[in-house]
Amino acid sequence: MPLQLKLLALVFVGGGLGSTLRYGVTLAALRLLGAGFPWGTFAVNVIGSTVMGGFAGYLVSRTPGVGSDALRLFFMTGVLGGFTTFSAYSLDTVALWERGATATAVVYAVGSVVVSLAVLAVALVAARGWFTT
């Protein structure tokens, strides 16, 4: 099997695991805390960002070697990407900040939230209009 296909398979399997974990956390939060606040989503965003930061710090501290790409793709892109993409957003924002691109980090952080909420609202209204007529 070619290397690229193996790496793609790692992302695929990791994503499935992460999505399953997200579903489990969401169900547990609903059962324990109710549906008044999106505790499950809040939890996966905080947990995912915490784990992403720790894992990224671990990878940076290691001597690059065989398997680093596979490990990063499986865990960060796959598992954490399936669990929550907020962790990737958080890492990207902090990485920009640490590189000294403070304005870019702020534009990215605020812009991602504002634009994402805006386009979701527009798509929601459009879909309701399309599918209810």
Protein backbone atom coordinates (compact mmCIF):
# COMPACT_ATOMS: atom_id res chain seq x y z
CA MET A 1 0.00 0.00 0.00
CA PRO A 2 1.43 3.41 -0.96
CA LEU A 3 2.44 5.70 1.92
CA GLN A 4 -0.14 8.37 1.06
CA LEU A 5 -2.92 5.77 1.20
CA LYS A 6 -1.68 4.53 4.58
CA LEU A 7 -1.66 8.07 5.95
CA LEU A 8 -5.15 8.67 4.59
CA ALA A 9 -6.32 5.47 6.29
CA LEU A 10 -4.85 6.69 9.60
CA VAL A 11 -6.82 9.95 9.34
CA PHE A 12 -9.96 8.00 8.42
CA VAL A 13 -9.72 5.61 11.36
CA GLY A 14 -8.73 8.37 13.78
CA GLY A 15 -11.64 10.53 12.62
CA GLY A 16 -14.07 7.70 13.24
CA LEU A 17 -12.72 7.22 16.75
CA GLY A 18 -12.88 10.94 17.48
CA SER A 19 -16.45 11.24 16.19
CA THR A 20 -17.50 8.29 18.31
CA LEU A 21 -15.90 9.88 21.37
CA ARG A 22 -17.67 13.17 20.65
CA TYR A 23 -21.02 11.37 20.43
CA GLY A 24 -20.35 9.64 23.74
CA VAL A 25 -19.44 12.89 25.50
CA THR A 26 -22.51 14.61 24.06
CA LEU A 27 -24.83 11.82 25.25
CA ALA A 28 -23.23 11.78 28.69
CA ALA A 29 -23.57 15.55 29.03
CA LEU A 30 -27.24 15.42 28.02
CA ARG A 31 -27.96 12.69 30.56
CA LEU A 32 -26.02 14.34 33.37
CA LEU A 33 -26.65 18.04 32.76
CA GLY A 34 -29.73 18.30 30.54
CA ALA A 35 -30.33 20.13 27.29
CA GLY A 36 -30.50 23.71 28.61
CA PHE A 37 -26.93 24.49 27.55
CA PRO A 38 -24.76 22.72 24.93
CA TRP A 39 -22.50 21.18 27.60
CA GLY A 40 -21.39 18.36 25.31
CA THR A 41 -20.08 20.71 22.64
CA PHE A 42 -18.53 22.95 25.27
CA ALA A 43 -16.81 19.94 26.84
CA VAL A 44 -15.41 18.56 23.60
CA ASN A 45 -14.10 22.00 22.62
CA VAL A 46 -12.31 22.47 25.95
CA ILE A 47 -11.07 18.88 26.16
CA GLY A 48 -9.99 18.85 22.51
CA SER A 49 -8.14 22.14 22.82
CA THR A 50 -6.40 20.97 25.99
CA VAL A 51 -5.31 17.70 24.42
CA MET A 52 -4.30 19.42 21.15
CA GLY A 53 -2.07 21.86 23.05
CA GLY A 54 -0.45 19.11 25.07
CA PHE A 55 0.08 16.87 22.09
CA ALA A 56 1.42 19.66 19.88
CA GLY A 57 3.83 20.62 22.67
CA TYR A 58 4.92 17.00 22.94
CA LEU A 59 5.53 16.71 19.19
CA VAL A 60 7.51 19.96 19.09
CA SER A 61 9.71 18.77 21.97
CA ARG A 62 10.53 15.47 20.24
CA THR A 63 13.36 14.90 17.85
CA PRO A 64 11.71 14.51 14.46
CA GLY A 65 11.74 10.90 13.45
CA VAL A 66 10.04 8.10 11.65
CA GLY A 67 6.37 7.94 12.48
CA SER A 68 5.96 11.58 13.50
CA ASP A 69 3.76 12.37 10.49
CA ALA A 70 1.73 9.21 10.99
CA LEU A 71 1.23 9.94 14.68
CA ARG A 72 0.30 13.57 14.03
CA LEU A 73 -2.12 12.67 11.24
CA PHE A 74 -3.78 9.87 13.20
CA PHE A 75 -4.15 11.73 16.47
CA MET A 76 -4.31 15.46 15.67
CA THR A 77 -6.02 15.41 12.27
CA GLY A 78 -7.98 12.20 12.76
CA VAL A 79 -8.95 11.67 16.39
CA LEU A 80 -9.00 15.31 17.49
CA GLY A 81 -10.40 16.45 14.15
CA GLY A 82 -13.28 14.01 14.53
CA PHE A 83 -13.69 14.92 18.18
CA THR A 84 -13.68 18.69 17.61
CA THR A 85 -12.27 20.98 14.93
CA PHE A 86 -12.22 23.72 17.56
CA SER A 87 -8.93 22.29 18.78
CA ALA A 88 -7.36 22.91 15.36
CA TYR A 89 -8.80 26.44 15.33
CA SER A 90 -7.34 27.05 18.78
CA LEU A 91 -3.91 25.71 17.79
CA ASP A 92 -3.84 27.78 14.59
CA THR A 93 -4.75 30.94 16.51
CA VAL A 94 -2.09 30.42 19.19
CA ALA A 95 0.53 29.47 16.58
CA LEU A 96 -0.10 32.75 14.74
CA TRP A 97 0.13 34.63 18.04
CA GLU A 98 3.39 32.92 19.02
CA ARG A 99 4.92 33.74 15.61
CA GLY A 100 4.28 37.40 16.32
CA ALA A 101 1.40 37.70 13.87
CA THR A 102 -0.84 39.20 16.55
CA ALA A 103 -3.16 41.10 14.21
CA THR A 104 -3.54 38.05 11.97
CA ALA A 105 -4.31 35.87 14.99
CA VAL A 106 -7.02 38.28 16.16
CA VAL A 107 -8.52 38.60 12.66
CA TYR A 108 -8.47 34.80 12.29
CA ALA A 109 -10.00 34.17 15.73
CA VAL A 110 -12.74 36.79 15.51
CA GLY A 111 -13.30 36.35 11.79
CA SER A 112 -13.70 32.59 12.07
CA VAL A 113 -16.41 32.94 14.69
CA VAL A 114 -18.25 35.89 13.13
CA VAL A 115 -18.14 34.62 9.53
CA SER A 116 -19.01 31.05 10.54
CA LEU A 117 -22.02 32.20 12.58
CA ALA A 118 -23.15 34.51 9.78
CA VAL A 119 -22.95 31.95 6.99
CA LEU A 120 -24.60 29.31 9.18
CA ALA A 121 -27.50 31.70 9.83
CA VAL A 122 -27.82 32.51 6.11
CA ALA A 123 -27.67 28.83 5.12
CA LEU A 124 -30.22 27.93 7.82
CA VAL A 125 -32.69 30.57 6.60
CA ALA A 126 -32.11 29.58 2.96
CA ALA A 127 -32.57 25.87 3.69
CA ARG A 128 -35.77 26.54 5.63
CA GLY A 129 -37.05 28.53 2.66
CA TRP A 130 -36.06 25.90 0.10
CA PHE A 131 -37.28 22.86 1.96
CA THR A 132 -40.52 24.19 3.42
CA THR A 133 -42.07 25.41 0.16
